[in-house]
Amino acid sequence: MKVTEAVQSRRSVRAFTDQPVELETLRRVLDTARWAPSGCNYQPWEATVLTGEPLEALRAKLRQSEMQKPEYDWDAPKQEDRYKRRLYELSASMFQALGVAREDTQGRMAAMARNTESFGAPALLLCYFPRLMKEAQWSDTGMWLQTVMLLLREAGLDSCPQEYMAYFAEPIMEHIGVSRETHMFFCGLAIGYRDEDAAVNNFERDRVPLDETIRWQGW
């Protein structure tokens, strides 16, 4: 698969088949992803990957856990209308694909709660990093995650990055045995094989036109 194809075919998949993900496939993907860009070669990213019983045990724990305020804010862009509009347009398309009406508050909450199940994905990567890492290293971690997601596409797999998991940082870190005193939880990454027939995996997404975000000088 060419890089262009991997980029264009990648999307946040929210319905997976029950086909298991082979350990060797994930080892190959994550071994290659070590070469993602890293300022000063710090390589700040760390992760635990779950499947089988450990994953089911985590899901059971999260079903019994209360949501907590995340340690970082991903909602700040909603203060500006153009960013709020992008979010609301995507949300409307997703809920329409799920058959959930705008006024169906309970239905929307139930759909969002499926994040705790990682949408039925057979594997889940939990990403965190040492607390001494700052904004530049957060950026590097994002580049690593994007590299992982594109390599998963090359391997015929799909994924869904889940900042939503930050609502459950405490039980997650306890479950995987990583100290919250030394490390900060960032996100989950659901991994598996896409359910091609699920409407939630096929609704139209949008991106703003190139010249709305990129300026050209000297051409």
C-alpha atoms as a PDB file:
ATOM      1  CA  MET A   1       0.000   0.000   0.000  1.00  0.00           C
ATOM      2  CA  LYS A   2       1.331   3.433  -0.940  1.00  0.00           C
ATOM      3  CA  VAL A   3       1.554   6.101   1.733  1.00  0.00           C
ATOM      4  CA  THR A   4      -1.078   8.188  -0.079  1.00  0.00           C
ATOM      5  CA  GLU A   5      -3.513   5.277  -0.029  1.00  0.00           C
ATOM      6  CA  ALA A   6      -2.870   4.638   3.661  1.00  0.00           C
ATOM      7  CA  VAL A   7      -3.505   8.307   4.511  1.00  0.00           C
ATOM      8  CA  GLN A   8      -6.698   8.538   2.476  1.00  0.00           C
ATOM      9  CA  SER A   9      -8.142   5.220   3.630  1.00  0.00           C
ATOM     10  CA  ARG A  10      -7.395   5.761   7.319  1.00  0.00           C
ATOM     11  CA  ARG A  11     -10.365   6.832   9.386  1.00  0.00           C
ATOM     12  CA  SER A  12     -11.496   6.474  12.975  1.00  0.00           C
ATOM     13  CA  VAL A  13     -13.183   3.083  12.870  1.00  0.00           C
ATOM     14  CA  ARG A  14     -15.979   2.593  15.394  1.00  0.00           C
ATOM     15  CA  ALA A  15     -17.117  -0.922  14.519  1.00  0.00           C
ATOM     16  CA  PHE A  16     -14.754  -3.892  14.316  1.00  0.00           C
ATOM     17  CA  THR A  17     -15.075  -7.557  13.434  1.00  0.00           C
ATOM     18  CA  ASP A  18     -14.122 -10.154  16.042  1.00  0.00           C
ATOM     19  CA  GLN A  19     -11.119 -11.333  14.017  1.00  0.00           C
ATOM     20  CA  PRO A  20      -8.089 -11.469  16.367  1.00  0.00           C
ATOM     21  CA  VAL A  21      -5.020  -9.353  15.719  1.00  0.00           C
ATOM     22  CA  GLU A  22      -1.812 -11.343  15.507  1.00  0.00           C
ATOM     23  CA  LEU A  23       0.917 -10.444  17.988  1.00  0.00           C
ATOM     24  CA  GLU A  24       3.607 -10.628  15.308  1.00  0.00           C
ATOM     25  CA  THR A  25       1.708  -8.142  13.138  1.00  0.00           C
ATOM     26  CA  LEU A  26       1.555  -5.623  15.975  1.00  0.00           C
ATOM     27  CA  ARG A  27       5.184  -6.219  16.894  1.00  0.00           C
ATOM     28  CA  ARG A  28       6.192  -5.522  13.288  1.00  0.00           C
ATOM     29  CA  VAL A  29       4.087  -2.351  13.133  1.00  0.00           C
ATOM     30  CA  LEU A  30       5.348  -0.986  16.446  1.00  0.00           C
ATOM     31  CA  ASP A  31       8.940  -1.950  15.683  1.00  0.00           C
ATOM     32  CA  THR A  32       8.791   0.035  12.432  1.00  0.00           C
ATOM     33  CA  ALA A  33       7.041   2.963  14.133  1.00  0.00           C
ATOM     34  CA  ARG A  34      10.111   3.462  16.335  1.00  0.00           C
ATOM     35  CA  TRP A  35      11.463   5.501  13.421  1.00  0.00           C
ATOM     36  CA  ALA A  36       8.788   8.189  13.749  1.00  0.00           C
ATOM     37  CA  PRO A  37      10.158  11.754  14.074  1.00  0.00           C
ATOM     38  CA  SER A  38      11.438  12.586  17.545  1.00  0.00           C
ATOM     39  CA  GLY A  39      12.922  15.943  18.533  1.00  0.00           C
ATOM     40  CA  CYS A  40      16.336  15.458  20.178  1.00  0.00           C
ATOM     41  CA  ASN A  41      15.687  11.698  19.834  1.00  0.00           C
ATOM     42  CA  TYR A  42      13.836  11.683  23.176  1.00  0.00           C
ATOM     43  CA  GLN A  43      11.294   9.129  21.928  1.00  0.00           C
ATOM     44  CA  PRO A  44       8.832  10.076  24.703  1.00  0.00           C
ATOM     45  CA  TRP A  45       6.044   7.637  23.808  1.00  0.00           C
ATOM     46  CA  GLU A  46       5.297   4.555  25.879  1.00  0.00           C
ATOM     47  CA  ALA A  47       2.400   2.120  25.597  1.00  0.00           C
ATOM     48  CA  THR A  48       0.798  -1.064  26.849  1.00  0.00           C
ATOM     49  CA  VAL A  49      -1.112  -3.222  24.353  1.00  0.00           C
ATOM     50  CA  LEU A  50      -3.975  -5.400  25.584  1.00  0.00           C
ATOM     51  CA  THR A  51      -6.017  -8.210  24.091  1.00  0.00           C
ATOM     52  CA  GLY A  52      -7.963 -11.214  25.375  1.00  0.00           C
ATOM     53  CA  GLU A  53      -8.595 -11.513  29.109  1.00  0.00           C
ATOM     54  CA  PRO A  54      -6.597  -8.423  30.192  1.00  0.00           C
ATOM     55  CA  LEU A  55      -8.613  -6.300  27.762  1.00  0.00           C
ATOM     56  CA  GLU A  56     -11.943  -7.745  28.859  1.00  0.00           C
ATOM     57  CA  ALA A  57     -10.976  -7.187  32.501  1.00  0.00           C
ATOM     58  CA  LEU A  58     -10.223  -3.530  31.766  1.00  0.00           C
ATOM     59  CA  ARG A  59     -13.549  -3.089  30.002  1.00  0.00           C
ATOM     60  CA  ALA A  60     -15.355  -4.578  32.992  1.00  0.00           C
ATOM     61  CA  LYS A  61     -13.480  -2.180  35.289  1.00  0.00           C
ATOM     62  CA  LEU A  62     -14.333   0.854  33.155  1.00  0.00           C
ATOM     63  CA  ARG A  63     -18.012  -0.067  33.107  1.00  0.00           C
ATOM     64  CA  GLN A  64     -17.947   0.268  36.900  1.00  0.00           C
ATOM     65  CA  SER A  65     -15.816   3.434  36.975  1.00  0.00           C
ATOM     66  CA  GLU A  66     -16.976   7.033  37.082  1.00  0.00           C
ATOM     67  CA  MET A  67     -15.707   9.529  34.550  1.00  0.00           C
ATOM     68  CA  GLN A  68     -13.108  11.943  35.909  1.00  0.00           C
ATOM     69  CA  LYS A  69     -11.937  15.292  34.609  1.00  0.00           C
ATOM     70  CA  PRO A  70      -9.068  14.703  32.151  1.00  0.00           C
ATOM     71  CA  GLU A  71      -5.682  16.200  32.918  1.00  0.00           C
ATOM     72  CA  TYR A  72      -5.622  17.997  29.586  1.00  0.00           C
ATOM     73  CA  ASP A  73      -8.200  19.970  27.594  1.00  0.00           C
ATOM     74  CA  TRP A  74      -9.131  18.980  24.037  1.00  0.00           C
ATOM     75  CA  ASP A  75     -12.253  21.193  23.967  1.00  0.00           C
ATOM     76  CA  ALA A  76     -10.552  24.606  23.981  1.00  0.00           C
ATOM     77  CA  PRO A  77     -10.902  25.099  20.184  1.00  0.00           C
ATOM     78  CA  LYS A  78     -14.700  25.209  20.592  1.00  0.00           C
ATOM     79  CA  GLN A  79     -14.273  28.791  21.804  1.00  0.00           C
ATOM     80  CA  GLU A  80     -13.978  29.792  18.140  1.00  0.00           C
ATOM     81  CA  ASP A  81     -16.918  29.256  15.807  1.00  0.00           C
ATOM     82  CA  ARG A  82     -15.022  27.775  12.855  1.00  0.00           C
ATOM     83  CA  TYR A  83     -13.606  24.966  14.980  1.00  0.00           C
ATOM     84  CA  LYS A  84     -16.910  24.395  16.760  1.00  0.00           C
ATOM     85  CA  ARG A  85     -18.611  24.086  13.350  1.00  0.00           C
ATOM     86  CA  ARG A  86     -16.131  21.418  12.197  1.00  0.00           C
ATOM     87  CA  LEU A  87     -16.806  19.380  15.327  1.00  0.00           C
ATOM     88  CA  TYR A  88     -20.586  19.695  15.118  1.00  0.00           C
ATOM     89  CA  GLU A  89     -20.701  18.808  11.423  1.00  0.00           C
ATOM     90  CA  LEU A  90     -18.687  15.642  12.026  1.00  0.00           C
ATOM     91  CA  SER A  91     -20.784  14.712  15.068  1.00  0.00           C
ATOM     92  CA  ALA A  92     -24.011  15.204  13.114  1.00  0.00           C
ATOM     93  CA  SER A  93     -22.806  12.891  10.344  1.00  0.00           C
ATOM     94  CA  MET A  94     -21.689  10.231  12.805  1.00  0.00           C
ATOM     95  CA  PHE A  95     -24.913  10.220  14.834  1.00  0.00           C
ATOM     96  CA  GLN A  96     -26.987  10.195  11.654  1.00  0.00           C
ATOM     97  CA  ALA A  97     -25.074   7.097  10.523  1.00  0.00           C
ATOM     98  CA  LEU A  98     -25.807   5.523  13.902  1.00  0.00           C
ATOM     99  CA  GLY A  99     -29.494   6.370  13.592  1.00  0.00           C
ATOM    100  CA  VAL A 100     -29.418   8.533  16.716  1.00  0.00           C
ATOM    101  CA  ALA A 101     -31.583  11.661  16.582  1.00  0.00           C
ATOM    102  CA  ARG A 102     -30.219  15.013  17.688  1.00  0.00           C
ATOM    103  CA  GLU A 103     -32.742  15.221  20.532  1.00  0.00           C
ATOM    104  CA  ASP A 104     -31.988  11.671  21.723  1.00  0.00           C
ATOM    105  CA  THR A 105     -29.688  12.582  24.599  1.00  0.00           C
ATOM    106  CA  GLN A 106     -29.653   9.080  26.044  1.00  0.00           C
ATOM    107  CA  GLY A 107     -28.858   7.548  22.668  1.00  0.00           C
ATOM    108  CA  ARG A 108     -25.959   9.919  22.178  1.00  0.00           C
ATOM    109  CA  MET A 109     -24.582   9.174  25.620  1.00  0.00           C
ATOM    110  CA  ALA A 110     -24.848   5.443  24.967  1.00  0.00           C
ATOM    111  CA  ALA A 111     -23.015   5.839  21.655  1.00  0.00           C
ATOM    112  CA  MET A 112     -20.222   7.804  23.310  1.00  0.00           C
ATOM    113  CA  ALA A 113     -20.012   5.256  26.131  1.00  0.00           C
ATOM    114  CA  ARG A 114     -18.980   2.642  23.559  1.00  0.00           C
ATOM    115  CA  ASN A 115     -15.566   4.292  23.778  1.00  0.00           C
ATOM    116  CA  THR A 116     -15.040   2.394  27.036  1.00  0.00           C
ATOM    117  CA  GLU A 117     -15.443  -0.823  25.017  1.00  0.00           C
ATOM    118  CA  SER A 118     -13.088   0.481  22.312  1.00  0.00           C
ATOM    119  CA  PHE A 119     -15.966  -0.216  19.917  1.00  0.00           C
ATOM    120  CA  GLY A 120     -15.396  -3.951  20.242  1.00  0.00           C
ATOM    121  CA  ALA A 121     -11.822  -3.830  18.906  1.00  0.00           C
ATOM    122  CA  PRO A 122      -9.858  -7.019  19.656  1.00  0.00           C
ATOM    123  CA  ALA A 123      -6.747  -5.060  20.671  1.00  0.00           C
ATOM    124  CA  LEU A 124      -6.194  -1.802  22.529  1.00  0.00           C
ATOM    125  CA  LEU A 125      -3.026   0.271  22.742  1.00  0.00           C
ATOM    126  CA  LEU A 126      -2.843   2.541  25.799  1.00  0.00           C
ATOM    127  CA  CYS A 127      -0.460   5.461  25.302  1.00  0.00           C
ATOM    128  CA  TYR A 128       1.253   7.467  28.047  1.00  0.00           C
ATOM    129  CA  PHE A 129       4.548   9.253  28.673  1.00  0.00           C
ATOM    130  CA  PRO A 130       6.726  10.490  31.563  1.00  0.00           C
ATOM    131  CA  ARG A 131       5.325  13.604  33.223  1.00  0.00           C
ATOM    132  CA  LEU A 132       8.486  15.596  32.570  1.00  0.00           C
ATOM    133  CA  MET A 133       7.612  15.663  28.855  1.00  0.00           C
ATOM    134  CA  LYS A 134       6.309  19.011  27.576  1.00  0.00           C
ATOM    135  CA  GLU A 135       4.420  20.311  24.520  1.00  0.00           C
ATOM    136  CA  ALA A 136       7.115  19.408  21.993  1.00  0.00           C
ATOM    137  CA  GLN A 137       7.168  15.812  23.197  1.00  0.00           C
ATOM    138  CA  TRP A 138       3.347  15.646  23.084  1.00  0.00           C
ATOM    139  CA  SER A 139       3.703  16.563  19.420  1.00  0.00           C
ATOM    140  CA  ASP A 140       6.252  13.792  18.929  1.00  0.00           C
ATOM    141  CA  THR A 141       3.880  11.312  20.567  1.00  0.00           C
ATOM    142  CA  GLY A 142       1.164  12.380  18.134  1.00  0.00           C
ATOM    143  CA  MET A 143       3.519  11.806  15.200  1.00  0.00           C
ATOM    144  CA  TRP A 144       4.332   8.357  16.569  1.00  0.00           C
ATOM    145  CA  LEU A 145       0.639   7.507  16.869  1.00  0.00           C
ATOM    146  CA  GLN A 146      -0.014   8.684  13.295  1.00  0.00           C
ATOM    147  CA  THR A 147       2.880   6.535  12.114  1.00  0.00           C
ATOM    148  CA  VAL A 148       1.388   3.557  13.941  1.00  0.00           C
ATOM    149  CA  MET A 149      -2.031   4.170  12.387  1.00  0.00           C
ATOM    150  CA  LEU A 150      -0.644   4.375   8.845  1.00  0.00           C
ATOM    151  CA  LEU A 151       1.427   1.225   9.329  1.00  0.00           C
ATOM    152  CA  LEU A 152      -1.705  -0.521  10.599  1.00  0.00           C
ATOM    153  CA  ARG A 153      -3.441   0.410   7.349  1.00  0.00           C
ATOM    154  CA  GLU A 154      -0.517  -1.028   5.394  1.00  0.00           C
ATOM    155  CA  ALA A 155      -1.023  -4.266   7.343  1.00  0.00           C
ATOM    156  CA  GLY A 156      -4.749  -4.318   6.512  1.00  0.00           C
ATOM    157  CA  LEU A 157      -5.820  -3.171   9.979  1.00  0.00           C
ATOM    158  CA  ASP A 158      -7.744  -0.177  11.238  1.00  0.00           C
ATOM    159  CA  SER A 159      -7.772   1.907  14.382  1.00  0.00           C
ATOM    160  CA  CYS A 160      -9.520   4.615  16.358  1.00  0.00           C
ATOM    161  CA  PRO A 161      -7.539   7.064  18.513  1.00  0.00           C
ATOM    162  CA  GLN A 162      -9.431   7.644  21.761  1.00  0.00           C
ATOM    163  CA  GLU A 163      -8.710  10.715  23.842  1.00  0.00           C
ATOM    164  CA  TYR A 164     -12.017   9.841  25.520  1.00  0.00           C
ATOM    165  CA  MET A 165     -10.049   7.260  27.505  1.00  0.00           C
ATOM    166  CA  ALA A 166      -8.463  10.134  29.442  1.00  0.00           C
ATOM    167  CA  TYR A 167     -11.740  10.325  31.387  1.00  0.00           C
ATOM    168  CA  PHE A 168     -10.665   7.023  32.938  1.00  0.00           C
ATOM    169  CA  ALA A 169      -6.939   7.607  33.368  1.00  0.00           C
ATOM    170  CA  GLU A 170      -6.854   6.476  36.990  1.00  0.00           C
ATOM    171  CA  PRO A 171      -8.417   2.990  36.592  1.00  0.00           C
ATOM    172  CA  ILE A 172      -6.557   2.445  33.329  1.00  0.00           C
ATOM    173  CA  MET A 173      -3.140   3.200  34.786  1.00  0.00           C
ATOM    174  CA  GLU A 174      -3.926   1.115  37.849  1.00  0.00           C
ATOM    175  CA  HIS A 175      -4.969  -1.781  35.618  1.00  0.00           C
ATOM    176  CA  ILE A 176      -1.746  -1.770  33.594  1.00  0.00           C
ATOM    177  CA  GLY A 177       0.505  -1.097  36.586  1.00  0.00           C
ATOM    178  CA  VAL A 178       1.916   2.281  35.564  1.00  0.00           C
ATOM    179  CA  SER A 179       2.301   5.004  38.200  1.00  0.00           C
ATOM    180  CA  ARG A 180       0.378   8.233  37.666  1.00  0.00           C
ATOM    181  CA  GLU A 181       2.980   9.980  39.793  1.00  0.00           C
ATOM    182  CA  THR A 182       5.665   9.387  37.176  1.00  0.00           C
ATOM    183  CA  HIS A 183       3.577   9.074  33.997  1.00  0.00           C
ATOM    184  CA  MET A 184       0.645  10.842  32.372  1.00  0.00           C
ATOM    185  CA  PHE A 185      -1.986   8.936  30.437  1.00  0.00           C
ATOM    186  CA  PHE A 186      -2.680  10.302  26.957  1.00  0.00           C
ATOM    187  CA  CYS A 187      -5.100   8.149  24.941  1.00  0.00           C
ATOM    188  CA  GLY A 188      -6.208   4.754  23.775  1.00  0.00           C
ATOM    189  CA  LEU A 189      -5.900   3.369  20.257  1.00  0.00           C
ATOM    190  CA  ALA A 190      -8.485   0.734  19.328  1.00  0.00           C
ATOM    191  CA  ILE A 191      -7.000  -1.732  16.821  1.00  0.00           C
ATOM    192  CA  GLY A 192      -8.646  -4.393  14.694  1.00  0.00           C
ATOM    193  CA  TYR A 193     -10.293  -5.225  11.385  1.00  0.00           C
ATOM    194  CA  ARG A 194     -12.923  -2.828  10.077  1.00  0.00           C
ATOM    195  CA  ASP A 195     -16.543  -3.950   9.811  1.00  0.00           C
ATOM    196  CA  GLU A 196     -17.000  -2.883   6.195  1.00  0.00           C
ATOM    197  CA  ASP A 197     -20.799  -2.962   6.409  1.00  0.00           C
ATOM    198  CA  ALA A 198     -21.221  -0.800   9.510  1.00  0.00           C
ATOM    199  CA  ALA A 199     -22.754   2.577   8.648  1.00  0.00           C
ATOM    200  CA  VAL A 200     -20.622   4.284  11.299  1.00  0.00           C
ATOM    201  CA  ASN A 201     -17.544   3.319   9.264  1.00  0.00           C
ATOM    202  CA  ASN A 202     -18.906   4.719   6.018  1.00  0.00           C
ATOM    203  CA  PHE A 203     -20.390   8.172   6.637  1.00  0.00           C
ATOM    204  CA  GLU A 204     -18.901  11.100   4.725  1.00  0.00           C
ATOM    205  CA  ARG A 205     -16.281  13.171   6.496  1.00  0.00           C
ATOM    206  CA  ASP A 206     -15.028  16.548   5.394  1.00  0.00           C
ATOM    207  CA  ARG A 207     -11.795  18.498   5.431  1.00  0.00           C
ATOM    208  CA  VAL A 208     -11.484  22.226   4.828  1.00  0.00           C
ATOM    209  CA  PRO A 209     -10.054  23.289   1.437  1.00  0.00           C
ATOM    210  CA  LEU A 210      -6.255  23.356   1.276  1.00  0.00           C
ATOM    211  CA  ASP A 211      -5.979  27.111   0.774  1.00  0.00           C
ATOM    212  CA  GLU A 212      -8.023  27.757   3.917  1.00  0.00           C
ATOM    213  CA  THR A 213      -5.188  26.436   6.070  1.00  0.00           C
ATOM    214  CA  ILE A 214      -2.070  26.805   3.909  1.00  0.00           C
ATOM    215  CA  ARG A 215      -0.460  30.061   2.693  1.00  0.00           C
ATOM    216  CA  TRP A 216       1.934  30.104  -0.250  1.00  0.00           C
ATOM    217  CA  GLN A 217       4.828  32.547  -0.676  1.00  0.00           C
ATOM    218  CA  GLY A 218       7.608  32.744  -3.238  1.00  0.00           C
ATOM    219  CA  TRP A 219       5.950  30.510  -5.872  1.00  0.00           C
END
